[in-house]
Amino acid sequence: MGHLIISRRPGESFRLRLDDKGDPARLLQSLTGDGIEVHVVGLVGRQIRLSFDAPRDLNIVRSELLDG
């Protein structure tokens, strides 16, 4: 499992995607086991900080990096 902390403001988003080199069967197996754990680690004004514990085959990407 990997660990990531991401900050988001109202109107911003992120996407969960399978890594290009990832194995869909292995990802599905890990999701049916422990799944993905998301923690709210902070709130500052209008910004929230989220912590993800997820399989390394799963990419968590800020949506603005995919648009364009």
PDB file of N, CA and C in Angstrom:
ATOM      1  N   MET A   1       0.847  -1.189   0.000  1.00  0.00           N
ATOM      2  CA  MET A   1       0.000   0.000   0.000  1.00  0.00           C
ATOM      3  C   MET A   1       0.886   1.244   0.000  1.00  0.00           C
ATOM      4  N   GLY A   2       0.434   2.227  -0.733  1.00  0.00           N
ATOM      5  CA  GLY A   2       1.111   3.512  -0.756  1.00  0.00           C
ATOM      6  C   GLY A   2       0.326   4.516   0.060  1.00  0.00           C
ATOM      7  N   HIS A   3       0.945   5.639   0.342  1.00  0.00           N
ATOM      8  CA  HIS A   3       0.328   6.676   1.162  1.00  0.00           C
ATOM      9  C   HIS A   3       0.492   8.013   0.448  1.00  0.00           C
ATOM     10  N   LEU A   4      -0.578   8.799   0.389  1.00  0.00           N
ATOM     11  CA  LEU A   4      -0.566  10.088  -0.287  1.00  0.00           C
ATOM     12  C   LEU A   4      -1.428  11.062   0.490  1.00  0.00           C
ATOM     13  N   ILE A   5      -0.971  12.304   0.603  1.00  0.00           N
ATOM     14  CA  ILE A   5      -1.789  13.374   1.172  1.00  0.00           C
ATOM     15  C   ILE A   5      -2.019  14.394   0.067  1.00  0.00           C
ATOM     16  N   ILE A   6      -3.278  14.775  -0.139  1.00  0.00           N
ATOM     17  CA  ILE A   6      -3.638  15.723  -1.188  1.00  0.00           C
ATOM     18  C   ILE A   6      -4.543  16.797  -0.593  1.00  0.00           C
ATOM     19  N   SER A   7      -4.387  18.028  -1.052  1.00  0.00           N
ATOM     20  CA  SER A   7      -5.236  19.141  -0.616  1.00  0.00           C
ATOM     21  C   SER A   7      -6.175  19.517  -1.743  1.00  0.00           C
ATOM     22  N   ARG A   8      -7.414  19.799  -1.416  1.00  0.00           N
ATOM     23  CA  ARG A   8      -8.416  20.190  -2.399  1.00  0.00           C
ATOM     24  C   ARG A   8      -9.255  21.330  -1.846  1.00  0.00           C
ATOM     25  N   ARG A   9      -9.678  22.212  -2.725  1.00  0.00           N
ATOM     26  CA  ARG A   9     -10.569  23.327  -2.385  1.00  0.00           C
ATOM     27  C   ARG A   9     -11.937  23.051  -3.023  1.00  0.00           C
ATOM     28  N   PRO A  10     -12.972  23.763  -2.605  1.00  0.00           N
ATOM     29  CA  PRO A  10     -14.281  23.571  -3.234  1.00  0.00           C
ATOM     30  C   PRO A  10     -14.178  23.717  -4.759  1.00  0.00           C
ATOM     31  N   GLY A  11     -14.800  22.804  -5.471  1.00  0.00           N
ATOM     32  CA  GLY A  11     -14.775  22.826  -6.932  1.00  0.00           C
ATOM     33  C   GLY A  11     -13.620  22.045  -7.539  1.00  0.00           C
ATOM     34  N   GLU A  12     -12.599  21.706  -6.763  1.00  0.00           N
ATOM     35  CA  GLU A  12     -11.481  20.912  -7.258  1.00  0.00           C
ATOM     36  C   GLU A  12     -11.781  19.437  -7.039  1.00  0.00           C
ATOM     37  N   SER A  13     -11.108  18.581  -7.797  1.00  0.00           N
ATOM     38  CA  SER A  13     -11.367  17.156  -7.671  1.00  0.00           C
ATOM     39  C   SER A  13     -10.084  16.368  -7.921  1.00  0.00           C
ATOM     40  N   PHE A  14     -10.206  15.066  -7.804  1.00  0.00           N
ATOM     41  CA  PHE A  14      -9.120  14.150  -8.122  1.00  0.00           C
ATOM     42  C   PHE A  14      -9.740  12.917  -8.751  1.00  0.00           C
ATOM     43  N   ARG A  15      -8.911  12.128  -9.427  1.00  0.00           N
ATOM     44  CA  ARG A  15      -9.392  10.899 -10.059  1.00  0.00           C
ATOM     45  C   ARG A  15      -8.560   9.729  -9.576  1.00  0.00           C
ATOM     46  N   LEU A  16      -9.210   8.593  -9.423  1.00  0.00           N
ATOM     47  CA  LEU A  16      -8.545   7.341  -9.101  1.00  0.00           C
ATOM     48  C   LEU A  16      -8.482   6.532 -10.387  1.00  0.00           C
ATOM     49  N   ARG A  17      -7.267   6.166 -10.803  1.00  0.00           N
ATOM     50  CA  ARG A  17      -7.091   5.446 -12.070  1.00  0.00           C
ATOM     51  C   ARG A  17      -6.089   4.320 -11.884  1.00  0.00           C
ATOM     52  N   LEU A  18      -6.237   3.272 -12.677  1.00  0.00           N
ATOM     53  CA  LEU A  18      -5.280   2.182 -12.680  1.00  0.00           C
ATOM     54  C   LEU A  18      -4.001   2.659 -13.359  1.00  0.00           C
ATOM     55  N   ASP A  19      -2.868   2.400 -12.751  1.00  0.00           N
ATOM     56  CA  ASP A  19      -1.572   2.709 -13.334  1.00  0.00           C
ATOM     57  C   ASP A  19      -1.457   2.012 -14.689  1.00  0.00           C
ATOM     58  N   ASP A  20      -0.823   2.664 -15.672  1.00  0.00           N
ATOM     59  CA  ASP A  20      -0.670   2.096 -17.022  1.00  0.00           C
ATOM     60  C   ASP A  20      -0.021   0.720 -17.001  1.00  0.00           C
ATOM     61  N   LYS A  21       0.875   0.488 -16.041  1.00  0.00           N
ATOM     62  CA  LYS A  21       1.585  -0.784 -15.964  1.00  0.00           C
ATOM     63  C   LYS A  21       0.964  -1.697 -14.914  1.00  0.00           C
ATOM     64  N   GLY A  22      -0.124  -1.251 -14.317  1.00  0.00           N
ATOM     65  CA  GLY A  22      -0.748  -2.018 -13.249  1.00  0.00           C
ATOM     66  C   GLY A  22      -1.493  -3.240 -13.753  1.00  0.00           C
ATOM     67  N   ASP A  23      -1.666  -4.173 -12.865  1.00  0.00           N
ATOM     68  CA  ASP A  23      -2.391  -5.406 -13.155  1.00  0.00           C
ATOM     69  C   ASP A  23      -3.807  -5.277 -12.604  1.00  0.00           C
ATOM     70  N   PRO A  24      -4.818  -5.181 -13.475  1.00  0.00           N
ATOM     71  CA  PRO A  24      -6.198  -4.997 -13.003  1.00  0.00           C
ATOM     72  C   PRO A  24      -6.646  -6.085 -12.028  1.00  0.00           C
ATOM     73  N   ALA A  25      -6.236  -7.326 -12.266  1.00  0.00           N
ATOM     74  CA  ALA A  25      -6.642  -8.419 -11.373  1.00  0.00           C
ATOM     75  C   ALA A  25      -6.050  -8.232  -9.981  1.00  0.00           C
ATOM     76  N   ARG A  26      -4.774  -7.836  -9.929  1.00  0.00           N
ATOM     77  CA  ARG A  26      -4.130  -7.616  -8.621  1.00  0.00           C
ATOM     78  C   ARG A  26      -4.754  -6.428  -7.900  1.00  0.00           C
ATOM     79  N   LEU A  27      -5.071  -5.370  -8.635  1.00  0.00           N
ATOM     80  CA  LEU A  27      -5.722  -4.208  -8.032  1.00  0.00           C
ATOM     81  C   LEU A  27      -7.089  -4.591  -7.490  1.00  0.00           C
ATOM     82  N   LEU A  28      -7.869  -5.316  -8.268  1.00  0.00           N
ATOM     83  CA  LEU A  28      -9.192  -5.737  -7.814  1.00  0.00           C
ATOM     84  C   LEU A  28      -9.091  -6.611  -6.570  1.00  0.00           C
ATOM     85  N   GLN A  29      -8.117  -7.502  -6.540  1.00  0.00           N
ATOM     86  CA  GLN A  29      -7.927  -8.366  -5.371  1.00  0.00           C
ATOM     87  C   GLN A  29      -7.583  -7.545  -4.133  1.00  0.00           C
ATOM     88  N   SER A  30      -6.722  -6.542  -4.280  1.00  0.00           N
ATOM     89  CA  SER A  30      -6.353  -5.724  -3.125  1.00  0.00           C
ATOM     90  C   SER A  30      -7.518  -4.844  -2.676  1.00  0.00           C
ATOM     91  N   LEU A  31      -8.357  -4.394  -3.617  1.00  0.00           N
ATOM     92  CA  LEU A  31      -9.510  -3.570  -3.249  1.00  0.00           C
ATOM     93  C   LEU A  31     -10.570  -4.381  -2.528  1.00  0.00           C
ATOM     94  N   THR A  32     -10.718  -5.657  -2.884  1.00  0.00           N
ATOM     95  CA  THR A  32     -11.703  -6.484  -2.193  1.00  0.00           C
ATOM     96  C   THR A  32     -11.198  -6.902  -0.820  1.00  0.00           C
ATOM     97  N   GLY A  33      -9.900  -6.744  -0.586  1.00  0.00           N
ATOM     98  CA  GLY A  33      -9.330  -7.041   0.730  1.00  0.00           C
ATOM     99  C   GLY A  33      -9.446  -5.827   1.630  1.00  0.00           C
ATOM    100  N   ASP A  34      -8.404  -5.023   1.678  1.00  0.00           N
ATOM    101  CA  ASP A  34      -8.359  -3.853   2.554  1.00  0.00           C
ATOM    102  C   ASP A  34      -9.069  -2.643   1.967  1.00  0.00           C
ATOM    103  N   GLY A  35      -9.240  -2.590   0.653  1.00  0.00           N
ATOM    104  CA  GLY A  35      -9.869  -1.436   0.019  1.00  0.00           C
ATOM    105  C   GLY A  35      -8.964  -0.220   0.061  1.00  0.00           C
ATOM    106  N   ILE A  36      -9.567   0.940  -0.026  1.00  0.00           N
ATOM    107  CA  ILE A  36      -8.858   2.219   0.024  1.00  0.00           C
ATOM    108  C   ILE A  36      -9.316   2.924   1.286  1.00  0.00           C
ATOM    109  N   GLU A  37      -8.369   3.376   2.069  1.00  0.00           N
ATOM    110  CA  GLU A  37      -8.709   4.103   3.292  1.00  0.00           C
ATOM    111  C   GLU A  37      -8.420   5.581   3.076  1.00  0.00           C
ATOM    112  N   VAL A  38      -9.408   6.430   3.370  1.00  0.00           N
ATOM    113  CA  VAL A  38      -9.281   7.875   3.200  1.00  0.00           C
ATOM    114  C   VAL A  38      -9.488   8.530   4.561  1.00  0.00           C
ATOM    115  N   HIS A  39      -8.560   9.410   4.936  1.00  0.00           N
ATOM    116  CA  HIS A  39      -8.643  10.135   6.203  1.00  0.00           C
ATOM    117  C   HIS A  39      -8.708  11.630   5.921  1.00  0.00           C
ATOM    118  N   VAL A  40      -9.522  12.348   6.657  1.00  0.00           N
ATOM    119  CA  VAL A  40      -9.472  13.804   6.644  1.00  0.00           C
ATOM    120  C   VAL A  40      -8.420  14.181   7.673  1.00  0.00           C
ATOM    121  N   VAL A  41      -7.316  14.787   7.210  1.00  0.00           N
ATOM    122  CA  VAL A  41      -6.223  15.102   8.124  1.00  0.00           C
ATOM    123  C   VAL A  41      -6.164  16.575   8.491  1.00  0.00           C
ATOM    124  N   GLY A  42      -6.950  17.393   7.814  1.00  0.00           N
ATOM    125  CA  GLY A  42      -6.944  18.803   8.174  1.00  0.00           C
ATOM    126  C   GLY A  42      -7.935  19.607   7.368  1.00  0.00           C
ATOM    127  N   LEU A  43      -8.326  20.719   7.940  1.00  0.00           N
ATOM    128  CA  LEU A  43      -9.219  21.662   7.287  1.00  0.00           C
ATOM    129  C   LEU A  43      -8.724  23.053   7.639  1.00  0.00           C
ATOM    130  N   VAL A  44      -8.326  23.803   6.617  1.00  0.00           N
ATOM    131  CA  VAL A  44      -7.825  25.159   6.816  1.00  0.00           C
ATOM    132  C   VAL A  44      -8.622  26.072   5.899  1.00  0.00           C
ATOM    133  N   GLY A  45      -9.466  26.898   6.483  1.00  0.00           N
ATOM    134  CA  GLY A  45     -10.305  27.771   5.666  1.00  0.00           C
ATOM    135  C   GLY A  45     -11.184  26.945   4.754  1.00  0.00           C
ATOM    136  N   ARG A  46     -11.001  27.127   3.441  1.00  0.00           N
ATOM    137  CA  ARG A  46     -11.806  26.393   2.451  1.00  0.00           C
ATOM    138  C   ARG A  46     -11.012  25.262   1.813  1.00  0.00           C
ATOM    139  N   GLN A  47      -9.951  24.822   2.452  1.00  0.00           N
ATOM    140  CA  GLN A  47      -9.108  23.763   1.895  1.00  0.00           C
ATOM    141  C   GLN A  47      -9.119  22.559   2.835  1.00  0.00           C
ATOM    142  N   ILE A  48      -9.335  21.373   2.260  1.00  0.00           N
ATOM    143  CA  ILE A  48      -9.329  20.135   3.031  1.00  0.00           C
ATOM    144  C   ILE A  48      -8.105  19.316   2.635  1.00  0.00           C
ATOM    145  N   ARG A  49      -7.518  18.646   3.600  1.00  0.00           N
ATOM    146  CA  ARG A  49      -6.391  17.752   3.329  1.00  0.00           C
ATOM    147  C   ARG A  49      -6.854  16.328   3.571  1.00  0.00           C
ATOM    148  N   LEU A  50      -6.678  15.498   2.544  1.00  0.00           N
ATOM    149  CA  LEU A  50      -7.085  14.104   2.605  1.00  0.00           C
ATOM    150  C   LEU A  50      -5.862  13.212   2.513  1.00  0.00           C
ATOM    151  N   SER A  51      -5.883  12.129   3.259  1.00  0.00           N
ATOM    152  CA  SER A  51      -4.809  11.141   3.236  1.00  0.00           C
ATOM    153  C   SER A  51      -5.381   9.838   2.686  1.00  0.00           C
ATOM    154  N   PHE A  52      -4.694   9.240   1.718  1.00  0.00           N
ATOM    155  CA  PHE A  52      -5.132   8.001   1.078  1.00  0.00           C
ATOM    156  C   PHE A  52      -4.133   6.887   1.363  1.00  0.00           C
ATOM    157  N   ASP A  53      -4.636   5.744   1.765  1.00  0.00           N
ATOM    158  CA  ASP A  53      -3.861   4.508   1.810  1.00  0.00           C
ATOM    159  C   ASP A  53      -4.480   3.617   0.750  1.00  0.00           C
ATOM    160  N   ALA A  54      -3.744   3.404  -0.338  1.00  0.00           N
ATOM    161  CA  ALA A  54      -4.307   2.689  -1.485  1.00  0.00           C
ATOM    162  C   ALA A  54      -3.216   1.834  -2.130  1.00  0.00           C
ATOM    163  N   PRO A  55      -3.612   0.826  -2.904  1.00  0.00           N
ATOM    164  CA  PRO A  55      -2.631   0.014  -3.622  1.00  0.00           C
ATOM    165  C   PRO A  55      -1.788   0.887  -4.555  1.00  0.00           C
ATOM    166  N   ARG A  56      -0.537   0.523  -4.726  1.00  0.00           N
ATOM    167  CA  ARG A  56       0.368   1.313  -5.570  1.00  0.00           C
ATOM    168  C   ARG A  56      -0.032   1.293  -7.042  1.00  0.00           C
ATOM    169  N   ASP A  57      -0.812   0.298  -7.465  1.00  0.00           N
ATOM    170  CA  ASP A  57      -1.288   0.245  -8.856  1.00  0.00           C
ATOM    171  C   ASP A  57      -2.357   1.290  -9.134  1.00  0.00           C
ATOM    172  N   LEU A  58      -2.858   1.941  -8.106  1.00  0.00           N
ATOM    173  CA  LEU A  58      -3.913   2.926  -8.252  1.00  0.00           C
ATOM    174  C   LEU A  58      -3.297   4.323  -8.225  1.00  0.00           C
ATOM    175  N   ASN A  59      -3.468   5.066  -9.306  1.00  0.00           N
ATOM    176  CA  ASN A  59      -2.990   6.446  -9.367  1.00  0.00           C
ATOM    177  C   ASN A  59      -4.073   7.364  -8.821  1.00  0.00           C
ATOM    178  N   ILE A  60      -3.683   8.313  -7.996  1.00  0.00           N
ATOM    179  CA  ILE A  60      -4.583   9.353  -7.505  1.00  0.00           C
ATOM    180  C   ILE A  60      -4.041  10.650  -8.078  1.00  0.00           C
ATOM    181  N   VAL A  61      -4.798  11.234  -9.004  1.00  0.00           N
ATOM    182  CA  VAL A  61      -4.295  12.356  -9.793  1.00  0.00           C
ATOM    183  C   VAL A  61      -5.232  13.549  -9.665  1.00  0.00           C
ATOM    184  N   ARG A  62      -4.647  14.728  -9.453  1.00  0.00           N
ATOM    185  CA  ARG A  62      -5.462  15.944  -9.457  1.00  0.00           C
ATOM    186  C   ARG A  62      -6.054  16.115 -10.846  1.00  0.00           C
ATOM    187  N   SER A  63      -7.353  16.362 -10.914  1.00  0.00           N
ATOM    188  CA  SER A  63      -8.052  16.418 -12.199  1.00  0.00           C
ATOM    189  C   SER A  63      -7.473  17.462 -13.139  1.00  0.00           C
ATOM    190  N   GLU A  64      -6.991  18.591 -12.606  1.00  0.00           N
ATOM    191  CA  GLU A  64      -6.468  19.640 -13.482  1.00  0.00           C
ATOM    192  C   GLU A  64      -5.216  19.190 -14.223  1.00  0.00           C
ATOM    193  N   LEU A  65      -4.543  18.154 -13.735  1.00  0.00           N
ATOM    194  CA  LEU A  65      -3.379  17.630 -14.444  1.00  0.00           C
ATOM    195  C   LEU A  65      -3.778  16.757 -15.625  1.00  0.00           C
ATOM    196  N   LEU A  66      -5.022  16.291 -15.642  1.00  0.00           N
ATOM    197  CA  LEU A  66      -5.513  15.441 -16.737  1.00  0.00           C
ATOM    198  C   LEU A  66      -6.248  16.246 -17.796  1.00  0.00           C
ATOM    199  N   ASP A  67      -6.789  17.368 -17.433  1.00  0.00           N
ATOM    200  CA  ASP A  67      -7.551  18.209 -18.376  1.00  0.00           C
ATOM    201  C   ASP A  67      -6.587  19.065 -19.178  1.00  0.00           C
ATOM    202  N   GLY A  68      -6.672  18.966 -20.479  1.00  0.00           N
ATOM    203  CA  GLY A  68      -5.840  19.842 -21.276  1.00  0.00           C
ATOM    204  C   GLY A  68      -4.972  19.117 -22.162  1.00  0.00           C
TER     205      GLY A  68
END
